[in-house]
Amino acid sequence: NDRLIKSGRLPVSCGDYPSSEKKLIRL
């Protein structure tokens, strides 16, 4: 989130939060 915000992007959404291995790998 720190990196995203400092680069002008939105933070990790609740839907993208790593709740599975697939989402963790994607993040």
PDB file of all heavy atoms in Angstrom:
ATOM      1  N   ASN A   1       0.828  -1.206   0.000  1.00  0.00           N
ATOM      2  CA  ASN A   1       0.000   0.000   0.000  1.00  0.00           C
ATOM      3  C   ASN A   1       0.865   1.259   0.000  1.00  0.00           C
ATOM      4  O   ASN A   1       0.576   2.213  -0.727  1.00  0.00           O
ATOM      5  CB  ASN A   1      -0.952   0.003   1.192  1.00  0.00           C
ATOM      6  CG  ASN A   1      -2.130  -0.913   0.974  1.00  0.00           C
ATOM      7  OD1 ASN A   1      -2.479  -1.247  -0.152  1.00  0.00           O
ATOM      8  ND2 ASN A   1      -2.743  -1.340   2.063  1.00  0.00           N
ATOM      9  N   ASP A   2       1.915   1.277   0.809  1.00  0.00           N
ATOM     10  CA  ASP A   2       2.824   2.431   0.826  1.00  0.00           C
ATOM     11  C   ASP A   2       3.399   2.683  -0.567  1.00  0.00           C
ATOM     12  O   ASP A   2       3.419   3.812  -1.050  1.00  0.00           O
ATOM     13  CB  ASP A   2       3.974   2.214   1.814  1.00  0.00           C
ATOM     14  CG  ASP A   2       3.540   2.300   3.264  1.00  0.00           C
ATOM     15  OD1 ASP A   2       2.482   2.907   3.545  1.00  0.00           O
ATOM     16  OD2 ASP A   2       4.265   1.767   4.125  1.00  0.00           O
ATOM     17  N   ARG A   3       3.864   1.616  -1.201  1.00  0.00           N
ATOM     18  CA  ARG A   3       4.450   1.739  -2.536  1.00  0.00           C
ATOM     19  C   ARG A   3       3.426   2.189  -3.577  1.00  0.00           C
ATOM     20  O   ARG A   3       3.718   3.029  -4.432  1.00  0.00           O
ATOM     21  CB  ARG A   3       5.026   0.394  -2.959  1.00  0.00           C
ATOM     22  CG  ARG A   3       6.507   0.441  -3.154  1.00  0.00           C
ATOM     23  CD  ARG A   3       7.048  -0.934  -3.398  1.00  0.00           C
ATOM     24  NE  ARG A   3       7.676  -0.988  -4.708  1.00  0.00           N
ATOM     25  CZ  ARG A   3       8.282  -2.050  -5.178  1.00  0.00           C
ATOM     26  NH1 ARG A   3       8.334  -3.150  -4.473  1.00  0.00           N
ATOM     27  NH2 ARG A   3       8.831  -2.028  -6.357  1.00  0.00           N
ATOM     28  N   LEU A   4       2.232   1.616  -3.520  1.00  0.00           N
ATOM     29  CA  LEU A   4       1.191   1.992  -4.474  1.00  0.00           C
ATOM     30  C   LEU A   4       0.814   3.462  -4.324  1.00  0.00           C
ATOM     31  O   LEU A   4       0.725   4.192  -5.322  1.00  0.00           O
ATOM     32  CB  LEU A   4      -0.052   1.118  -4.269  1.00  0.00           C
ATOM     33  CG  LEU A   4       0.050  -0.323  -4.748  1.00  0.00           C
ATOM     34  CD1 LEU A   4      -1.109  -1.146  -4.209  1.00  0.00           C
ATOM     35  CD2 LEU A   4       0.099  -0.388  -6.265  1.00  0.00           C
ATOM     36  N   ILE A   5       0.609   3.892  -3.105  1.00  0.00           N
ATOM     37  CA  ILE A   5       0.179   5.268  -2.864  1.00  0.00           C
ATOM     38  C   ILE A   5       1.273   6.250  -3.255  1.00  0.00           C
ATOM     39  O   ILE A   5       1.001   7.280  -3.883  1.00  0.00           O
ATOM     40  CB  ILE A   5      -0.262   5.433  -1.401  1.00  0.00           C
ATOM     41  CG1 ILE A   5      -1.569   4.659  -1.191  1.00  0.00           C
ATOM     42  CG2 ILE A   5      -0.429   6.905  -1.031  1.00  0.00           C
ATOM     43  CD1 ILE A   5      -1.969   4.471   0.249  1.00  0.00           C
ATOM     44  N   LYS A   6       2.520   5.932  -2.935  1.00  0.00           N
ATOM     45  CA  LYS A   6       3.628   6.824  -3.298  1.00  0.00           C
ATOM     46  C   LYS A   6       3.806   6.923  -4.806  1.00  0.00           C
ATOM     47  O   LYS A   6       4.347   7.906  -5.299  1.00  0.00           O
ATOM     48  CB  LYS A   6       4.917   6.364  -2.635  1.00  0.00           C
ATOM     49  CG  LYS A   6       4.930   6.659  -1.150  1.00  0.00           C
ATOM     50  CD  LYS A   6       6.182   6.147  -0.491  1.00  0.00           C
ATOM     51  CE  LYS A   6       6.117   6.433   0.997  1.00  0.00           C
ATOM     52  NZ  LYS A   6       7.227   5.797   1.727  1.00  0.00           N
ATOM     53  N   SER A   7       3.350   5.911  -5.538  1.00  0.00           N
ATOM     54  CA  SER A   7       3.453   5.974  -7.000  1.00  0.00           C
ATOM     55  C   SER A   7       2.154   6.483  -7.636  1.00  0.00           C
ATOM     56  O   SER A   7       1.968   6.381  -8.846  1.00  0.00           O
ATOM     57  CB  SER A   7       3.839   4.606  -7.569  1.00  0.00           C
ATOM     58  OG  SER A   7       2.830   3.661  -7.344  1.00  0.00           O
ATOM     59  N   GLY A   8       1.246   6.991  -6.796  1.00  0.00           N
ATOM     60  CA  GLY A   8       0.021   7.602  -7.314  1.00  0.00           C
ATOM     61  C   GLY A   8      -1.093   6.629  -7.618  1.00  0.00           C
ATOM     62  O   GLY A   8      -2.033   6.961  -8.348  1.00  0.00           O
ATOM     63  N   ARG A   9      -1.022   5.429  -7.082  1.00  0.00           N
ATOM     64  CA  ARG A   9      -2.051   4.417  -7.329  1.00  0.00           C
ATOM     65  C   ARG A   9      -2.883   4.183  -6.084  1.00  0.00           C
ATOM     66  O   ARG A   9      -2.523   4.594  -4.992  1.00  0.00           O
ATOM     67  CB  ARG A   9      -1.393   3.118  -7.773  1.00  0.00           C
ATOM     68  CG  ARG A   9      -0.634   3.313  -9.076  1.00  0.00           C
ATOM     69  CD  ARG A   9      -0.007   2.046  -9.527  1.00  0.00           C
ATOM     70  NE  ARG A   9       0.663   2.288 -10.808  1.00  0.00           N
ATOM     71  CZ  ARG A   9       1.748   1.661 -11.167  1.00  0.00           C
ATOM     72  NH1 ARG A   9       2.303   0.771 -10.396  1.00  0.00           N
ATOM     73  NH2 ARG A   9       2.291   1.932 -12.333  1.00  0.00           N
ATOM     74  N   LEU A  10      -3.989   3.486  -6.261  1.00  0.00           N
ATOM     75  CA  LEU A  10      -4.869   3.164  -5.134  1.00  0.00           C
ATOM     76  C   LEU A  10      -4.313   1.970  -4.359  1.00  0.00           C
ATOM     77  O   LEU A  10      -3.644   1.117  -4.927  1.00  0.00           O
ATOM     78  CB  LEU A  10      -6.270   2.850  -5.642  1.00  0.00           C
ATOM     79  CG  LEU A  10      -7.015   4.020  -6.278  1.00  0.00           C
ATOM     80  CD1 LEU A  10      -8.323   3.534  -6.869  1.00  0.00           C
ATOM     81  CD2 LEU A  10      -7.261   5.116  -5.259  1.00  0.00           C
ATOM     82  N   PRO A  11      -4.623   1.890  -3.059  1.00  0.00           N
ATOM     83  CA  PRO A  11      -4.147   0.760  -2.259  1.00  0.00           C
ATOM     84  C   PRO A  11      -4.832  -0.549  -2.643  1.00  0.00           C
ATOM     85  O   PRO A  11      -5.791  -0.563  -3.417  1.00  0.00           O
ATOM     86  CB  PRO A  11      -4.508   1.168  -0.828  1.00  0.00           C
ATOM     87  CG  PRO A  11      -5.621   2.136  -0.968  1.00  0.00           C
ATOM     88  CD  PRO A  11      -5.403   2.843  -2.275  1.00  0.00           C
ATOM     89  N   VAL A  12      -4.336  -1.632  -2.092  1.00  0.00           N
ATOM     90  CA  VAL A  12      -4.899  -2.964  -2.317  1.00  0.00           C
ATOM     91  C   VAL A  12      -6.356  -2.960  -1.845  1.00  0.00           C
ATOM     92  O   VAL A  12      -6.648  -2.572  -0.718  1.00  0.00           O
ATOM     93  CB  VAL A  12      -4.093  -4.033  -1.539  1.00  0.00           C
ATOM     94  CG1 VAL A  12      -4.734  -5.401  -1.663  1.00  0.00           C
ATOM     95  CG2 VAL A  12      -2.649  -4.052  -2.003  1.00  0.00           C
ATOM     96  N   SER A  13      -7.256  -3.380  -2.713  1.00  0.00           N
ATOM     97  CA  SER A  13      -8.672  -3.412  -2.349  1.00  0.00           C
ATOM     98  C   SER A  13      -8.957  -4.647  -1.500  1.00  0.00           C
ATOM     99  O   SER A  13      -8.165  -5.594  -1.472  1.00  0.00           O
ATOM    100  CB  SER A  13      -9.547  -3.452  -3.611  1.00  0.00           C
ATOM    101  OG  SER A  13      -9.383  -4.697  -4.263  1.00  0.00           O
ATOM    102  N   CYS A  14     -10.085  -4.648  -0.824  1.00  0.00           N
ATOM    103  CA  CYS A  14     -10.475  -5.834  -0.033  1.00  0.00           C
ATOM    104  C   CYS A  14     -10.624  -7.046  -0.937  1.00  0.00           C
ATOM    105  O   CYS A  14     -10.303  -8.168  -0.545  1.00  0.00           O
ATOM    106  CB  CYS A  14     -11.768  -5.561   0.729  1.00  0.00           C
ATOM    107  SG  CYS A  14     -11.546  -4.439   2.123  1.00  0.00           S
ATOM    108  N   GLY A  15     -11.066  -6.838  -2.165  1.00  0.00           N
ATOM    109  CA  GLY A  15     -11.221  -7.942  -3.109  1.00  0.00           C
ATOM    110  C   GLY A  15      -9.899  -8.519  -3.584  1.00  0.00           C
ATOM    111  O   GLY A  15      -9.829  -9.678  -3.974  1.00  0.00           O
ATOM    112  N   ASP A  16      -8.831  -7.716  -3.562  1.00  0.00           N
ATOM    113  CA  ASP A  16      -7.507  -8.181  -3.975  1.00  0.00           C
ATOM    114  C   ASP A  16      -6.655  -8.642  -2.797  1.00  0.00           C
ATOM    115  O   ASP A  16      -5.542  -9.133  -2.987  1.00  0.00           O
ATOM    116  CB  ASP A  16      -6.752  -7.077  -4.716  1.00  0.00           C
ATOM    117  CG  ASP A  16      -7.296  -6.828  -6.108  1.00  0.00           C
ATOM    118  OD1 ASP A  16      -7.916  -7.752  -6.671  1.00  0.00           O
ATOM    119  OD2 ASP A  16      -7.105  -5.721  -6.630  1.00  0.00           O
ATOM    120  N   TYR A  17      -7.177  -8.464  -1.572  1.00  0.00           N
ATOM    121  CA  TYR A  17      -6.420  -8.881  -0.387  1.00  0.00           C
ATOM    122  C   TYR A  17      -6.139 -10.371  -0.472  1.00  0.00           C
ATOM    123  O   TYR A  17      -7.016 -11.152  -0.842  1.00  0.00           O
ATOM    124  CB  TYR A  17      -7.209  -8.565   0.889  1.00  0.00           C
ATOM    125  CG  TYR A  17      -6.365  -8.632   2.137  1.00  0.00           C
ATOM    126  CD1 TYR A  17      -5.621  -7.536   2.531  1.00  0.00           C
ATOM    127  CD2 TYR A  17      -6.296  -9.787   2.894  1.00  0.00           C
ATOM    128  CE1 TYR A  17      -4.832  -7.590   3.667  1.00  0.00           C
ATOM    129  CE2 TYR A  17      -5.510  -9.851   4.027  1.00  0.00           C
ATOM    130  CZ  TYR A  17      -4.781  -8.750   4.413  1.00  0.00           C
ATOM    131  OH  TYR A  17      -3.998  -8.799   5.530  1.00  0.00           O
ATOM    132  N   PRO A  18      -4.918 -10.808  -0.156  1.00  0.00           N
ATOM    133  CA  PRO A  18      -4.561 -12.223  -0.321  1.00  0.00           C
ATOM    134  C   PRO A  18      -5.305 -13.169   0.621  1.00  0.00           C
ATOM    135  O   PRO A  18      -4.841 -13.482   1.701  1.00  0.00           O
ATOM    136  CB  PRO A  18      -3.054 -12.261  -0.064  1.00  0.00           C
ATOM    137  CG  PRO A  18      -2.669 -10.951   0.462  1.00  0.00           C
ATOM    138  CD  PRO A  18      -3.791 -10.004   0.278  1.00  0.00           C
ATOM    139  N   SER A  19      -6.474 -13.611   0.173  1.00  0.00           N
ATOM    140  CA  SER A  19      -7.271 -14.568   0.946  1.00  0.00           C
ATOM    141  C   SER A  19      -7.088 -15.987   0.410  1.00  0.00           C
ATOM    142  O   SER A  19      -7.656 -16.928   0.943  1.00  0.00           O
ATOM    143  CB  SER A  19      -8.745 -14.176   0.907  1.00  0.00           C
ATOM    144  OG  SER A  19      -9.202 -14.129  -0.426  1.00  0.00           O
ATOM    145  N   SER A  20      -6.293 -16.120  -0.635  1.00  0.00           N
ATOM    146  CA  SER A  20      -5.994 -17.436  -1.208  1.00  0.00           C
ATOM    147  C   SER A  20      -4.568 -17.390  -1.766  1.00  0.00           C
ATOM    148  O   SER A  20      -3.991 -16.310  -1.948  1.00  0.00           O
ATOM    149  CB  SER A  20      -6.961 -17.766  -2.342  1.00  0.00           C
ATOM    150  OG  SER A  20      -6.756 -16.887  -3.426  1.00  0.00           O
ATOM    151  N   GLU A  21      -4.019 -18.555  -2.036  1.00  0.00           N
ATOM    152  CA  GLU A  21      -2.664 -18.600  -2.596  1.00  0.00           C
ATOM    153  C   GLU A  21      -2.622 -17.904  -3.960  1.00  0.00           C
ATOM    154  O   GLU A  21      -1.667 -17.193  -4.276  1.00  0.00           O
ATOM    155  CB  GLU A  21      -2.185 -20.038  -2.725  1.00  0.00           C
ATOM    156  CG  GLU A  21      -0.744 -20.135  -3.193  1.00  0.00           C
ATOM    157  CD  GLU A  21      -0.211 -21.554  -3.210  1.00  0.00           C
ATOM    158  OE1 GLU A  21      -1.015 -22.508  -3.230  1.00  0.00           O
ATOM    159  OE2 GLU A  21       1.020 -21.709  -3.218  1.00  0.00           O
ATOM    160  N   LYS A  22      -3.659 -18.080  -4.748  1.00  0.00           N
ATOM    161  CA  LYS A  22      -3.720 -17.453  -6.073  1.00  0.00           C
ATOM    162  C   LYS A  22      -3.651 -15.927  -5.957  1.00  0.00           C
ATOM    163  O   LYS A  22      -2.914 -15.274  -6.695  1.00  0.00           O
ATOM    164  CB  LYS A  22      -5.017 -17.879  -6.772  1.00  0.00           C
ATOM    165  CG  LYS A  22      -5.170 -17.357  -8.161  1.00  0.00           C
ATOM    166  CD  LYS A  22      -6.456 -17.877  -8.784  1.00  0.00           C
ATOM    167  CE  LYS A  22      -6.660 -17.329 -10.175  1.00  0.00           C
ATOM    168  NZ  LYS A  22      -7.897 -17.833 -10.782  1.00  0.00           N
ATOM    169  N   LYS A  23      -4.409 -15.358  -5.015  1.00  0.00           N
ATOM    170  CA  LYS A  23      -4.390 -13.902  -4.833  1.00  0.00           C
ATOM    171  C   LYS A  23      -3.048 -13.423  -4.290  1.00  0.00           C
ATOM    172  O   LYS A  23      -2.570 -12.355  -4.656  1.00  0.00           O
ATOM    173  CB  LYS A  23      -5.521 -13.458  -3.904  1.00  0.00           C
ATOM    174  CG  LYS A  23      -6.874 -13.504  -4.565  1.00  0.00           C
ATOM    175  CD  LYS A  23      -7.943 -12.961  -3.653  1.00  0.00           C
ATOM    176  CE  LYS A  23      -9.299 -12.961  -4.331  1.00  0.00           C
ATOM    177  NZ  LYS A  23     -10.330 -12.365  -3.482  1.00  0.00           N
ATOM    178  N   LEU A  24      -2.420 -14.222  -3.422  1.00  0.00           N
ATOM    179  CA  LEU A  24      -1.113 -13.861  -2.888  1.00  0.00           C
ATOM    180  C   LEU A  24      -0.078 -13.835  -4.007  1.00  0.00           C
ATOM    181  O   LEU A  24       0.697 -12.882  -4.124  1.00  0.00           O
ATOM    182  CB  LEU A  24      -0.692 -14.835  -1.788  1.00  0.00           C
ATOM    183  CG  LEU A  24       0.696 -14.599  -1.182  1.00  0.00           C
ATOM    184  CD1 LEU A  24       0.804 -13.215  -0.569  1.00  0.00           C
ATOM    185  CD2 LEU A  24       1.005 -15.677  -0.147  1.00  0.00           C
ATOM    186  N   ILE A  25      -0.086 -14.853  -4.843  1.00  0.00           N
ATOM    187  CA  ILE A  25       0.860 -14.910  -5.963  1.00  0.00           C
ATOM    188  C   ILE A  25       0.644 -13.728  -6.915  1.00  0.00           C
ATOM    189  O   ILE A  25       1.600 -13.101  -7.376  1.00  0.00           O
ATOM    190  CB  ILE A  25       0.733 -16.262  -6.704  1.00  0.00           C
ATOM    191  CG1 ILE A  25       1.267 -17.387  -5.803  1.00  0.00           C
ATOM    192  CG2 ILE A  25       1.459 -16.234  -8.040  1.00  0.00           C
ATOM    193  CD1 ILE A  25       0.965 -18.778  -6.299  1.00  0.00           C
ATOM    194  N   ARG A  26      -0.612 -13.400  -7.177  1.00  0.00           N
ATOM    195  CA  ARG A  26      -0.925 -12.269  -8.054  1.00  0.00           C
ATOM    196  C   ARG A  26      -0.410 -10.951  -7.461  1.00  0.00           C
ATOM    197  O   ARG A  26       0.151 -10.111  -8.163  1.00  0.00           O
ATOM    198  CB  ARG A  26      -2.436 -12.193  -8.273  1.00  0.00           C
ATOM    199  CG  ARG A  26      -2.825 -11.194  -9.331  1.00  0.00           C
ATOM    200  CD  ARG A  26      -4.310 -11.129  -9.607  1.00  0.00           C
ATOM    201  NE  ARG A  26      -5.002 -12.377  -9.341  1.00  0.00           N
ATOM    202  CZ  ARG A  26      -6.257 -12.458  -8.926  1.00  0.00           C
ATOM    203  NH1 ARG A  26      -6.963 -11.381  -8.732  1.00  0.00           N
ATOM    204  NH2 ARG A  26      -6.826 -13.610  -8.705  1.00  0.00           N
ATOM    205  N   LEU A  27      -0.571 -10.785  -6.142  1.00  0.00           N
ATOM    206  CA  LEU A  27      -0.124  -9.557  -5.484  1.00  0.00           C
ATOM    207  C   LEU A  27       1.402  -9.471  -5.448  1.00  0.00           C
ATOM    208  O   LEU A  27       1.971  -8.399  -5.631  1.00  0.00           O
ATOM    209  CB  LEU A  27      -0.708  -9.477  -4.076  1.00  0.00           C
ATOM    210  CG  LEU A  27      -0.820  -8.092  -3.469  1.00  0.00           C
ATOM    211  CD1 LEU A  27      -1.677  -7.170  -4.332  1.00  0.00           C
ATOM    212  CD2 LEU A  27      -1.397  -8.161  -2.068  1.00  0.00           C
TER     213      LEU A  27
END
